[in-house]
PDB file of N, CA and C in Angstrom:
ATOM      1  N   UNK A   1      23.421  27.236  -3.054  1.00  0.00           N
ATOM      2  CA  UNK A   1      21.993  27.236  -3.321  1.00  0.00           C
ATOM      3  C   UNK A   1      21.325  26.186  -2.426  1.00  0.00           C
ATOM      4  N   UNK A   2      20.263  26.535  -1.702  1.00  0.00           N
ATOM      5  CA  UNK A   2      19.628  25.561  -0.806  1.00  0.00           C
ATOM      6  C   UNK A   2      18.883  24.469  -1.573  1.00  0.00           C
ATOM      7  N   UNK A   3      18.801  23.336  -0.934  1.00  0.00           N
ATOM      8  CA  UNK A   3      18.097  22.189  -1.510  1.00  0.00           C
ATOM      9  C   UNK A   3      16.599  22.463  -1.531  1.00  0.00           C
ATOM     10  N   UNK A   4      15.990  22.314  -2.679  1.00  0.00           N
ATOM     11  CA  UNK A   4      14.554  22.540  -2.845  1.00  0.00           C
ATOM     12  C   UNK A   4      13.811  21.206  -2.871  1.00  0.00           C
ATOM     13  N   UNK A   5      12.630  21.183  -2.282  1.00  0.00           N
ATOM     14  CA  UNK A   5      11.799  19.980  -2.240  1.00  0.00           C
ATOM     15  C   UNK A   5      11.521  19.443  -3.654  1.00  0.00           C
ATOM     16  N   UNK A   6      11.340  20.361  -4.608  1.00  0.00           N
ATOM     17  CA  UNK A   6      11.050  19.966  -5.988  1.00  0.00           C
ATOM     18  C   UNK A   6      12.217  19.167  -6.597  1.00  0.00           C
ATOM     19  N   UNK A   7      13.454  19.484  -6.212  1.00  0.00           N
ATOM     20  CA  UNK A   7      14.611  18.725  -6.703  1.00  0.00           C
ATOM     21  C   UNK A   7      14.513  17.265  -6.248  1.00  0.00           C
ATOM     22  N   UNK A   8      14.101  17.069  -5.010  1.00  0.00           N
ATOM     23  CA  UNK A   8      13.970  15.714  -4.469  1.00  0.00           C
ATOM     24  C   UNK A   8      12.843  14.983  -5.175  1.00  0.00           C
ATOM     25  N   UNK A   9      11.712  15.667  -5.341  1.00  0.00           N
ATOM     26  CA  UNK A   9      10.561  15.046  -6.017  1.00  0.00           C
ATOM     27  C   UNK A   9      10.928  14.638  -7.438  1.00  0.00           C
ATOM     28  N   UNK A  10      11.635  15.504  -8.138  1.00  0.00           N
ATOM     29  CA  UNK A  10      12.042  15.173  -9.514  1.00  0.00           C
ATOM     30  C   UNK A  10      12.971  13.955  -9.530  1.00  0.00           C
ATOM     31  N   UNK A  11      13.870  13.871  -8.572  1.00  0.00           N
ATOM     32  CA  UNK A  11      14.754  12.694  -8.487  1.00  0.00           C
ATOM     33  C   UNK A  11      13.925  11.440  -8.235  1.00  0.00           C
ATOM     34  N   UNK A  12      12.931  11.531  -7.361  1.00  0.00           N
ATOM     35  CA  UNK A  12      12.074  10.375  -7.068  1.00  0.00           C
ATOM     36  C   UNK A  12      11.245   9.966  -8.283  1.00  0.00           C
ATOM     37  N   UNK A  13      10.868  10.930  -9.102  1.00  0.00           N
ATOM     38  CA  UNK A  13      10.091  10.617 -10.314  1.00  0.00           C
ATOM     39  C   UNK A  13      10.939   9.874 -11.362  1.00  0.00           C
ATOM     40  N   UNK A  14      12.238   9.798 -11.144  1.00  0.00           N
ATOM     41  CA  UNK A  14      13.127   9.042 -12.039  1.00  0.00           C
ATOM     42  C   UNK A  14      13.312   7.600 -11.563  1.00  0.00           C
ATOM     43  N   UNK A  15      12.653   7.234 -10.469  1.00  0.00           N
ATOM     44  CA  UNK A  15      12.772   5.888  -9.903  1.00  0.00           C
ATOM     45  C   UNK A  15      11.542   5.062 -10.269  1.00  0.00           C
ATOM     46  N   UNK A  16      11.794   3.826 -10.704  1.00  0.00           N
ATOM     47  CA  UNK A  16      10.709   2.966 -11.156  1.00  0.00           C
ATOM     48  C   UNK A  16      10.841   1.564 -10.568  1.00  0.00           C
ATOM     49  N   UNK A  17       9.706   0.935 -10.338  1.00  0.00           N
ATOM     50  CA  UNK A  17       9.664  -0.498 -10.085  1.00  0.00           C
ATOM     51  C   UNK A  17       9.880  -1.112 -11.468  1.00  0.00           C
ATOM     52  N   UNK A  18      10.858  -2.004 -11.643  1.00  0.00           N
ATOM     53  CA  UNK A  18      11.147  -2.535 -12.980  1.00  0.00           C
ATOM     54  C   UNK A  18       9.968  -3.239 -13.647  1.00  0.00           C
ATOM     55  N   UNK A  19       8.990  -3.666 -12.867  1.00  0.00           N
ATOM     56  CA  UNK A  19       7.849  -4.392 -13.434  1.00  0.00           C
ATOM     57  C   UNK A  19       6.660  -3.489 -13.746  1.00  0.00           C
ATOM     58  N   UNK A  20       6.730  -2.203 -13.339  1.00  0.00           N
ATOM     59  CA  UNK A  20       5.595  -1.297 -13.515  1.00  0.00           C
ATOM     60  C   UNK A  20       6.095  -0.017 -14.182  1.00  0.00           C
ATOM     61  N   UNK A  21       5.520   0.356 -15.336  1.00  0.00           N
ATOM     62  CA  UNK A  21       6.028   1.520 -16.077  1.00  0.00           C
ATOM     63  C   UNK A  21       5.534   2.877 -15.552  1.00  0.00           C
ATOM     64  N   UNK A  22       5.490   3.022 -14.230  1.00  0.00           N
ATOM     65  CA  UNK A  22       5.066   4.272 -13.598  1.00  0.00           C
ATOM     66  C   UNK A  22       6.062   4.570 -12.488  1.00  0.00           C
ATOM     67  N   UNK A  23       6.447   5.845 -12.348  1.00  0.00           N
ATOM     68  CA  UNK A  23       7.424   6.189 -11.312  1.00  0.00           C
ATOM     69  C   UNK A  23       6.844   5.966  -9.919  1.00  0.00           C
ATOM     70  N   UNK A  24       7.733   5.844  -8.936  1.00  0.00           N
ATOM     71  CA  UNK A  24       7.307   5.489  -7.582  1.00  0.00           C
ATOM     72  C   UNK A  24       6.493   6.582  -6.894  1.00  0.00           C
ATOM     73  N   UNK A  25       6.627   7.831  -7.341  1.00  0.00           N
ATOM     74  CA  UNK A  25       5.799   8.910  -6.780  1.00  0.00           C
ATOM     75  C   UNK A  25       4.359   8.697  -7.218  1.00  0.00           C
ATOM     76  N   UNK A  26       4.147   8.507  -8.531  1.00  0.00           N
ATOM     77  CA  UNK A  26       2.795   8.319  -9.041  1.00  0.00           C
ATOM     78  C   UNK A  26       2.191   6.975  -8.631  1.00  0.00           C
ATOM     79  N   UNK A  27       3.037   6.013  -8.297  1.00  0.00           N
ATOM     80  CA  UNK A  27       2.515   4.743  -7.772  1.00  0.00           C
ATOM     81  C   UNK A  27       1.999   4.893  -6.338  1.00  0.00           C
ATOM     82  N   UNK A  28       2.383   5.974  -5.683  1.00  0.00           N
ATOM     83  CA  UNK A  28       1.947   6.180  -4.305  1.00  0.00           C
ATOM     84  C   UNK A  28       2.842   5.503  -3.285  1.00  0.00           C
ATOM     85  N   UNK A  29       4.077   5.198  -3.670  1.00  0.00           N
ATOM     86  CA  UNK A  29       4.992   4.499  -2.765  1.00  0.00           C
ATOM     87  C   UNK A  29       5.727   5.442  -1.811  1.00  0.00           C
ATOM     88  N   UNK A  30       5.720   6.736  -2.091  1.00  0.00           N
ATOM     89  CA  UNK A  30       6.411   7.708  -1.235  1.00  0.00           C
ATOM     90  C   UNK A  30       5.413   8.259  -0.222  1.00  0.00           C
ATOM     91  N   UNK A  31       5.687   8.014   1.051  1.00  0.00           N
ATOM     92  CA  UNK A  31       4.792   8.478   2.112  1.00  0.00           C
ATOM     93  C   UNK A  31       5.228   9.807   2.702  1.00  0.00           C
ATOM     94  N   UNK A  32       6.522  10.063   2.781  1.00  0.00           N
ATOM     95  CA  UNK A  32       6.992  11.306   3.379  1.00  0.00           C
ATOM     96  C   UNK A  32       8.421  11.584   2.933  1.00  0.00           C
ATOM     97  N   UNK A  33       8.724  12.863   2.749  1.00  0.00           N
ATOM     98  CA  UNK A  33      10.087  13.307   2.427  1.00  0.00           C
ATOM     99  C   UNK A  33      10.389  14.503   3.320  1.00  0.00           C
ATOM    100  N   UNK A  34      11.493  14.436   4.017  1.00  0.00           N
ATOM    101  CA  UNK A  34      11.947  15.534   4.868  1.00  0.00           C
ATOM    102  C   UNK A  34      13.374  15.883   4.468  1.00  0.00           C
ATOM    103  N   UNK A  35      13.681  17.174   4.520  1.00  0.00           N
ATOM    104  CA  UNK A  35      15.069  17.589   4.309  1.00  0.00           C
ATOM    105  C   UNK A  35      15.362  18.774   5.205  1.00  0.00           C
ATOM    106  N   UNK A  36      16.637  18.917   5.538  1.00  0.00           N
ATOM    107  CA  UNK A  36      17.040  20.023   6.406  1.00  0.00           C
ATOM    108  C   UNK A  36      18.021  20.932   5.658  1.00  0.00           C
ATOM    109  N   UNK A  37      18.328  22.085   6.219  1.00  0.00           N
ATOM    110  CA  UNK A  37      19.228  23.035   5.547  1.00  0.00           C
ATOM    111  C   UNK A  37      20.645  22.501   5.309  1.00  0.00           C
ATOM    112  N   UNK A  38      21.046  21.479   6.050  1.00  0.00           N
ATOM    113  CA  UNK A  38      22.392  20.917   5.872  1.00  0.00           C
ATOM    114  C   UNK A  38      22.471  19.943   4.699  1.00  0.00           C
ATOM    115  N   UNK A  39      21.337  19.617   4.076  1.00  0.00           N
ATOM    116  CA  UNK A  39      21.350  18.706   2.939  1.00  0.00           C
ATOM    117  C   UNK A  39      21.081  17.261   3.286  1.00  0.00           C
ATOM    118  N   UNK A  40      20.546  17.010   4.462  1.00  0.00           N
ATOM    119  CA  UNK A  40      20.163  15.656   4.853  1.00  0.00           C
ATOM    120  C   UNK A  40      18.732  15.400   4.401  1.00  0.00           C
ATOM    121  N   UNK A  41      18.522  14.253   3.778  1.00  0.00           N
ATOM    122  CA  UNK A  41      17.200  13.908   3.251  1.00  0.00           C
ATOM    123  C   UNK A  41      16.764  12.586   3.853  1.00  0.00           C
ATOM    124  N   UNK A  42      15.502  12.552   4.284  1.00  0.00           N
ATOM    125  CA  UNK A  42      14.910  11.328   4.833  1.00  0.00           C
ATOM    126  C   UNK A  42      13.649  11.020   4.033  1.00  0.00           C
ATOM    127  N   UNK A  43      13.582   9.801   3.494  1.00  0.00           N
ATOM    128  CA  UNK A  43      12.440   9.366   2.707  1.00  0.00           C
ATOM    129  C   UNK A  43      11.781   8.189   3.418  1.00  0.00           C
ATOM    130  N   UNK A  44      10.477   8.305   3.622  1.00  0.00           N
ATOM    131  CA  UNK A  44       9.699   7.193   4.160  1.00  0.00           C
ATOM    132  C   UNK A  44       8.847   6.683   3.005  1.00  0.00           C
ATOM    133  N   UNK A  45       9.027   5.411   2.691  1.00  0.00           N
ATOM    134  CA  UNK A  45       8.334   4.844   1.534  1.00  0.00           C
ATOM    135  C   UNK A  45       7.921   3.406   1.806  1.00  0.00           C
ATOM    136  N   UNK A  46       7.133   2.872   0.901  1.00  0.00           N
ATOM    137  CA  UNK A  46       6.739   1.478   0.981  1.00  0.00           C
ATOM    138  C   UNK A  46       6.991   0.832  -0.372  1.00  0.00           C
ATOM    139  N   UNK A  47       6.645  -0.422  -0.470  1.00  0.00           N
ATOM    140  CA  UNK A  47       6.722  -1.162  -1.734  1.00  0.00           C
ATOM    141  C   UNK A  47       5.337  -1.737  -1.993  1.00  0.00           C
ATOM    142  N   UNK A  48       5.116  -2.217  -3.198  1.00  0.00           N
ATOM    143  CA  UNK A  48       3.782  -2.731  -3.517  1.00  0.00           C
ATOM    144  C   UNK A  48       3.421  -3.964  -2.712  1.00  0.00           C
ATOM    145  N   UNK A  49       4.439  -4.714  -2.260  1.00  0.00           N
ATOM    146  CA  UNK A  49       4.193  -5.874  -1.389  1.00  0.00           C
ATOM    147  C   UNK A  49       5.477  -6.200  -0.628  1.00  0.00           C
ATOM    148  N   UNK A  50       5.321  -6.898   0.488  1.00  0.00           N
ATOM    149  CA  UNK A  50       6.500  -7.274   1.267  1.00  0.00           C
ATOM    150  C   UNK A  50       7.374  -8.270   0.517  1.00  0.00           C
ATOM    151  N   UNK A  51       6.789  -8.991  -0.424  1.00  0.00           N
ATOM    152  CA  UNK A  51       7.552  -9.946  -1.220  1.00  0.00           C
ATOM    153  C   UNK A  51       8.046  -9.364  -2.531  1.00  0.00           C
ATOM    154  N   UNK A  52       8.071  -8.047  -2.642  1.00  0.00           N
ATOM    155  CA  UNK A  52       8.489  -7.381  -3.873  1.00  0.00           C
ATOM    156  C   UNK A  52       9.885  -7.854  -4.278  1.00  0.00           C
ATOM    157  N   UNK A  53      10.037  -8.368  -5.518  1.00  0.00           N
ATOM    158  CA  UNK A  53      11.353  -8.838  -5.955  1.00  0.00           C
ATOM    159  C   UNK A  53      12.406  -7.730  -6.027  1.00  0.00           C
ATOM    160  N   UNK A  54      11.971  -6.487  -6.076  1.00  0.00           N
ATOM    161  CA  UNK A  54      12.904  -5.357  -6.159  1.00  0.00           C
ATOM    162  C   UNK A  54      13.060  -4.649  -4.816  1.00  0.00           C
ATOM    163  N   UNK A  55      12.844  -5.372  -3.723  1.00  0.00           N
ATOM    164  CA  UNK A  55      12.860  -4.783  -2.379  1.00  0.00           C
ATOM    165  C   UNK A  55      14.185  -4.107  -2.032  1.00  0.00           C
ATOM    166  N   UNK A  56      15.296  -4.570  -2.572  1.00  0.00           N
ATOM    167  CA  UNK A  56      16.576  -3.901  -2.328  1.00  0.00           C
ATOM    168  C   UNK A  56      16.886  -2.888  -3.422  1.00  0.00           C
ATOM    169  N   UNK A  57      16.503  -3.203  -4.648  1.00  0.00           N
ATOM    170  CA  UNK A  57      16.867  -2.357  -5.782  1.00  0.00           C
ATOM    171  C   UNK A  57      16.173  -1.003  -5.760  1.00  0.00           C
ATOM    172  N   UNK A  58      14.886  -0.965  -5.430  1.00  0.00           N
ATOM    173  CA  UNK A  58      14.161   0.303  -5.471  1.00  0.00           C
ATOM    174  C   UNK A  58      14.686   1.290  -4.424  1.00  0.00           C
ATOM    175  N   UNK A  59      14.818   0.909  -3.146  1.00  0.00           N
ATOM    176  CA  UNK A  59      15.379   1.865  -2.177  1.00  0.00           C
ATOM    177  C   UNK A  59      16.794   2.327  -2.537  1.00  0.00           C
ATOM    178  N   UNK A  60      17.591   1.449  -3.106  1.00  0.00           N
ATOM    179  CA  UNK A  60      18.949   1.835  -3.521  1.00  0.00           C
ATOM    180  C   UNK A  60      18.880   2.835  -4.679  1.00  0.00           C
ATOM    181  N   UNK A  61      17.954   2.626  -5.591  1.00  0.00           N
ATOM    182  CA  UNK A  61      17.740   3.559  -6.698  1.00  0.00           C
ATOM    183  C   UNK A  61      17.343   4.938  -6.138  1.00  0.00           C
ATOM    184  N   UNK A  62      16.469   4.940  -5.131  1.00  0.00           N
ATOM    185  CA  UNK A  62      16.054   6.186  -4.475  1.00  0.00           C
ATOM    186  C   UNK A  62      17.275   6.885  -3.874  1.00  0.00           C
ATOM    187  N   UNK A  63      18.085   6.143  -3.127  1.00  0.00           N
ATOM    188  CA  UNK A  63      19.296   6.716  -2.511  1.00  0.00           C
ATOM    189  C   UNK A  63      20.207   7.347  -3.568  1.00  0.00           C
ATOM    190  N   UNK A  64      20.455   6.603  -4.630  1.00  0.00           N
ATOM    191  CA  UNK A  64      21.379   7.076  -5.663  1.00  0.00           C
ATOM    192  C   UNK A  64      20.865   8.319  -6.375  1.00  0.00           C
ATOM    193  N   UNK A  65      19.592   8.329  -6.727  1.00  0.00           N
ATOM    194  CA  UNK A  65      19.018   9.481  -7.448  1.00  0.00           C
ATOM    195  C   UNK A  65      19.060  10.740  -6.587  1.00  0.00           C
ATOM    196  N   UNK A  66      18.709  10.603  -5.307  1.00  0.00           N
ATOM    197  CA  UNK A  66      18.713  11.769  -4.428  1.00  0.00           C
ATOM    198  C   UNK A  66      20.149  12.205  -4.125  1.00  0.00           C
ATOM    199  N   UNK A  67      21.030  11.249  -3.890  1.00  0.00           N
ATOM    200  CA  UNK A  67      22.434  11.573  -3.595  1.00  0.00           C
ATOM    201  C   UNK A  67      23.113  12.290  -4.757  1.00  0.00           C
ATOM    202  N   UNK A  68      22.605  12.108  -5.967  1.00  0.00           N
ATOM    203  CA  UNK A  68      23.183  12.762  -7.141  1.00  0.00           C
ATOM    204  C   UNK A  68      22.895  14.263  -7.176  1.00  0.00           C
ATOM    205  N   UNK A  69      21.965  14.721  -6.349  1.00  0.00           N
ATOM    206  CA  UNK A  69      21.675  16.155  -6.266  1.00  0.00           C
ATOM    207  C   UNK A  69      22.842  16.821  -5.532  1.00  0.00           C
ATOM    208  N   UNK A  70      23.409  17.831  -6.126  1.00  0.00           N
ATOM    209  CA  UNK A  70      24.630  18.465  -5.603  1.00  0.00           C
ATOM    210  C   UNK A  70      24.511  18.898  -4.141  1.00  0.00           C
ATOM    211  N   UNK A  71      23.357  19.428  -3.749  1.00  0.00           N
ATOM    212  CA  UNK A  71      23.190  19.969  -2.402  1.00  0.00           C
ATOM    213  C   UNK A  71      22.945  18.910  -1.330  1.00  0.00           C
ATOM    214  N   UNK A  72      22.796  17.651  -1.723  1.00  0.00           N
ATOM    215  CA  UNK A  72      22.492  16.585  -0.760  1.00  0.00           C
ATOM    216  C   UNK A  72      23.773  16.078  -0.111  1.00  0.00           C
ATOM    217  N   UNK A  73      23.739  15.993   1.205  1.00  0.00           N
ATOM    218  CA  UNK A  73      24.868  15.485   1.980  1.00  0.00           C
ATOM    219  C   UNK A  73      24.656  14.030   2.383  1.00  0.00           C
ATOM    220  N   UNK A  74      23.424  13.685   2.816  1.00  0.00           N
ATOM    221  CA  UNK A  74      23.142  12.337   3.294  1.00  0.00           C
ATOM    222  C   UNK A  74      21.702  11.974   2.953  1.00  0.00           C
ATOM    223  N   UNK A  75      21.468  10.681   2.669  1.00  0.00           N
ATOM    224  CA  UNK A  75      20.125  10.196   2.337  1.00  0.00           C
ATOM    225  C   UNK A  75      19.811   8.994   3.213  1.00  0.00           C
ATOM    226  N   UNK A  76      18.650   9.028   3.839  1.00  0.00           N
ATOM    227  CA  UNK A  76      18.165   7.900   4.628  1.00  0.00           C
ATOM    228  C   UNK A  76      16.829   7.477   4.042  1.00  0.00           C
ATOM    229  N   UNK A  77      16.726   6.204   3.649  1.00  0.00           N
ATOM    230  CA  UNK A  77      15.480   5.669   3.098  1.00  0.00           C
ATOM    231  C   UNK A  77      14.940   4.642   4.073  1.00  0.00           C
ATOM    232  N   UNK A  78      13.723   4.878   4.539  1.00  0.00           N
ATOM    233  CA  UNK A  78      13.074   3.963   5.478  1.00  0.00           C
ATOM    234  C   UNK A  78      11.891   3.300   4.785  1.00  0.00           C
ATOM    235  N   UNK A  79      11.894   1.966   4.777  1.00  0.00           N
ATOM    236  CA  UNK A  79      10.771   1.201   4.225  1.00  0.00           C
ATOM    237  C   UNK A  79       9.789   0.927   5.358  1.00  0.00           C
ATOM    238  N   UNK A  80       8.529   1.272   5.137  1.00  0.00           N
ATOM    239  CA  UNK A  80       7.479   1.022   6.119  1.00  0.00           C
ATOM    240  C   UNK A  80       6.361   0.215   5.470  1.00  0.00           C
ATOM    241  N   UNK A  81       5.607  -0.485   6.288  1.00  0.00           N
ATOM    242  CA  UNK A  81       4.516  -1.323   5.779  1.00  0.00           C
ATOM    243  C   UNK A  81       3.138  -0.858   6.238  1.00  0.00           C
ATOM    244  N   UNK A  82       3.106   0.206   7.037  1.00  0.00           N
ATOM    245  CA  UNK A  82       1.847   0.787   7.481  1.00  0.00           C
ATOM    246  C   UNK A  82       1.820   2.252   7.099  1.00  0.00           C
ATOM    247  N   UNK A  83       0.821   2.720   6.440  1.00  0.00           N
ATOM    248  CA  UNK A  83      -0.293   1.927   5.935  1.00  0.00           C
ATOM    249  C   UNK A  83       0.145   1.065   4.758  1.00  0.00           C
ATOM    250  N   UNK A  84      -0.506  -0.050   4.607  1.00  0.00           N
ATOM    251  CA  UNK A  84      -0.193  -0.955   3.496  1.00  0.00           C
ATOM    252  C   UNK A  84      -0.555  -0.287   2.176  1.00  0.00           C
ATOM    253  N   UNK A  85       0.313  -0.444   1.185  1.00  0.00           N
ATOM    254  CA  UNK A  85       0.046   0.128  -0.133  1.00  0.00           C
ATOM    255  C   UNK A  85      -1.144  -0.586  -0.762  1.00  0.00           C
ATOM    256  N   UNK A  86      -1.921   0.163  -1.521  1.00  0.00           N
ATOM    257  CA  UNK A  86      -2.996  -0.446  -2.317  1.00  0.00           C
ATOM    258  C   UNK A  86      -3.169   0.387  -3.581  1.00  0.00           C
ATOM    259  N   UNK A  87      -3.805  -0.164  -4.599  1.00  0.00           N
ATOM    260  CA  UNK A  87      -3.924   0.538  -5.884  1.00  0.00           C
ATOM    261  C   UNK A  87      -4.629   1.895  -5.807  1.00  0.00           C
ATOM    262  N   UNK A  88      -5.418   2.140  -4.779  1.00  0.00           N
ATOM    263  CA  UNK A  88      -6.080   3.443  -4.639  1.00  0.00           C
ATOM    264  C   UNK A  88      -5.062   4.560  -4.430  1.00  0.00           C
ATOM    265  N   UNK A  89      -3.820   4.226  -4.063  1.00  0.00           N
ATOM    266  CA  UNK A  89      -2.778   5.227  -3.824  1.00  0.00           C
ATOM    267  C   UNK A  89      -2.125   5.726  -5.108  1.00  0.00           C
ATOM    268  N   UNK A  90      -2.431   5.104  -6.227  1.00  0.00           N
ATOM    269  CA  UNK A  90      -1.853   5.505  -7.512  1.00  0.00           C
ATOM    270  C   UNK A  90      -2.477   6.837  -7.925  1.00  0.00           C
ATOM    271  N   UNK A  91      -1.634   7.762  -8.356  1.00  0.00           N
ATOM    272  CA  UNK A  91      -2.111   9.086  -8.776  1.00  0.00           C
ATOM    273  C   UNK A  91      -2.925   8.976 -10.062  1.00  0.00           C
ATOM    274  N   UNK A  92      -3.598  10.065 -10.384  1.00  0.00           N
ATOM    275  CA  UNK A  92      -4.370  10.107 -11.623  1.00  0.00           C
ATOM    276  C   UNK A  92      -3.466   9.882 -12.832  1.00  0.00           C
ATOM    277  N   UNK A  93      -2.276  10.503 -12.823  1.00  0.00           N
ATOM    278  CA  UNK A  93      -1.324  10.327 -13.933  1.00  0.00           C
ATOM    279  C   UNK A  93      -0.868   8.869 -14.026  1.00  0.00           C
ATOM    280  N   UNK A  94      -0.637   8.240 -12.871  1.00  0.00           N
ATOM    281  CA  UNK A  94      -0.232   6.838 -12.856  1.00  0.00           C
ATOM    282  C   UNK A  94      -1.331   5.927 -13.371  1.00  0.00           C
ATOM    283  N   UNK A  95      -2.556   6.214 -12.986  1.00  0.00           N
ATOM    284  CA  UNK A  95      -3.711   5.423 -13.456  1.00  0.00           C
ATOM    285  C   UNK A  95      -3.838   5.521 -14.968  1.00  0.00           C
ATOM    286  N   UNK A  96      -3.661   6.725 -15.456  1.00  0.00           N
ATOM    287  CA  UNK A  96      -3.751   6.938 -16.898  1.00  0.00           C
ATOM    288  C   UNK A  96      -2.684   6.122 -17.626  1.00  0.00           C
ATOM    289  N   UNK A  97      -1.446   6.177 -17.123  1.00  0.00           N
ATOM    290  CA  UNK A  97      -0.338   5.450 -17.752  1.00  0.00           C
ATOM    291  C   UNK A  97      -0.570   3.945 -17.734  1.00  0.00           C
ATOM    292  N   UNK A  98      -1.238   3.469 -16.690  1.00  0.00           N
ATOM    293  CA  UNK A  98      -1.498   2.032 -16.554  1.00  0.00           C
ATOM    294  C   UNK A  98      -2.817   1.608 -17.197  1.00  0.00           C
ATOM    295  N   UNK A  99      -3.588   2.573 -17.675  1.00  0.00           N
ATOM    296  CA  UNK A  99      -4.876   2.252 -18.283  1.00  0.00           C
ATOM    297  C   UNK A  99      -5.916   1.834 -17.260  1.00  0.00           C
ATOM    298  N   UNK A 100      -5.812   2.350 -16.042  1.00  0.00           N
ATOM    299  CA  UNK A 100      -6.761   2.029 -14.973  1.00  0.00           C
ATOM    300  C   UNK A 100      -7.794   3.142 -14.906  1.00  0.00           C
ATOM    301  N   UNK A 101      -9.046   2.771 -14.762  1.00  0.00           N
ATOM    302  CA  UNK A 101     -10.121   3.751 -14.640  1.00  0.00           C
ATOM    303  C   UNK A 101      -9.931   4.581 -13.381  1.00  0.00           C
ATOM    304  N   UNK A 102     -10.270   5.867 -13.441  1.00  0.00           N
ATOM    305  CA  UNK A 102     -10.152   6.712 -12.249  1.00  0.00           C
ATOM    306  C   UNK A 102     -11.071   6.240 -11.132  1.00  0.00           C
ATOM    307  N   UNK A 103     -10.649   6.513  -9.886  1.00  0.00           N
ATOM    308  CA  UNK A 103     -11.471   6.205  -8.715  1.00  0.00           C
ATOM    309  C   UNK A 103     -12.700   7.110  -8.747  1.00  0.00           C
ATOM    310  N   UNK A 104     -13.833   6.552  -8.383  1.00  0.00           N
ATOM    311  CA  UNK A 104     -15.063   7.350  -8.337  1.00  0.00           C
ATOM    312  C   UNK A 104     -15.433   7.654  -6.914  1.00  0.00           C
TER     313      UNK A 104
END
């Protein structure tokens, strides 16, 4: 069975910054996800800040969750700092969970 993008997204929704009760997808930390027919997955993501105390833990959590998908052969996680993350990147669902007013 070929690897579906939704499988990767669901795995990413199981990843959390330990200090924020919202998954990294809804936080807006995932910038790009690519996968090929051979099961190779590449994730381009950021963190809330360069001094994030979970700078090693979150990308490792991403690797492990995606690697647990049966069809995945290899996972590459790239941390980028441009564009810089900001609270406007939080999804509507994430804002709701955090009690933040929607962007107008």
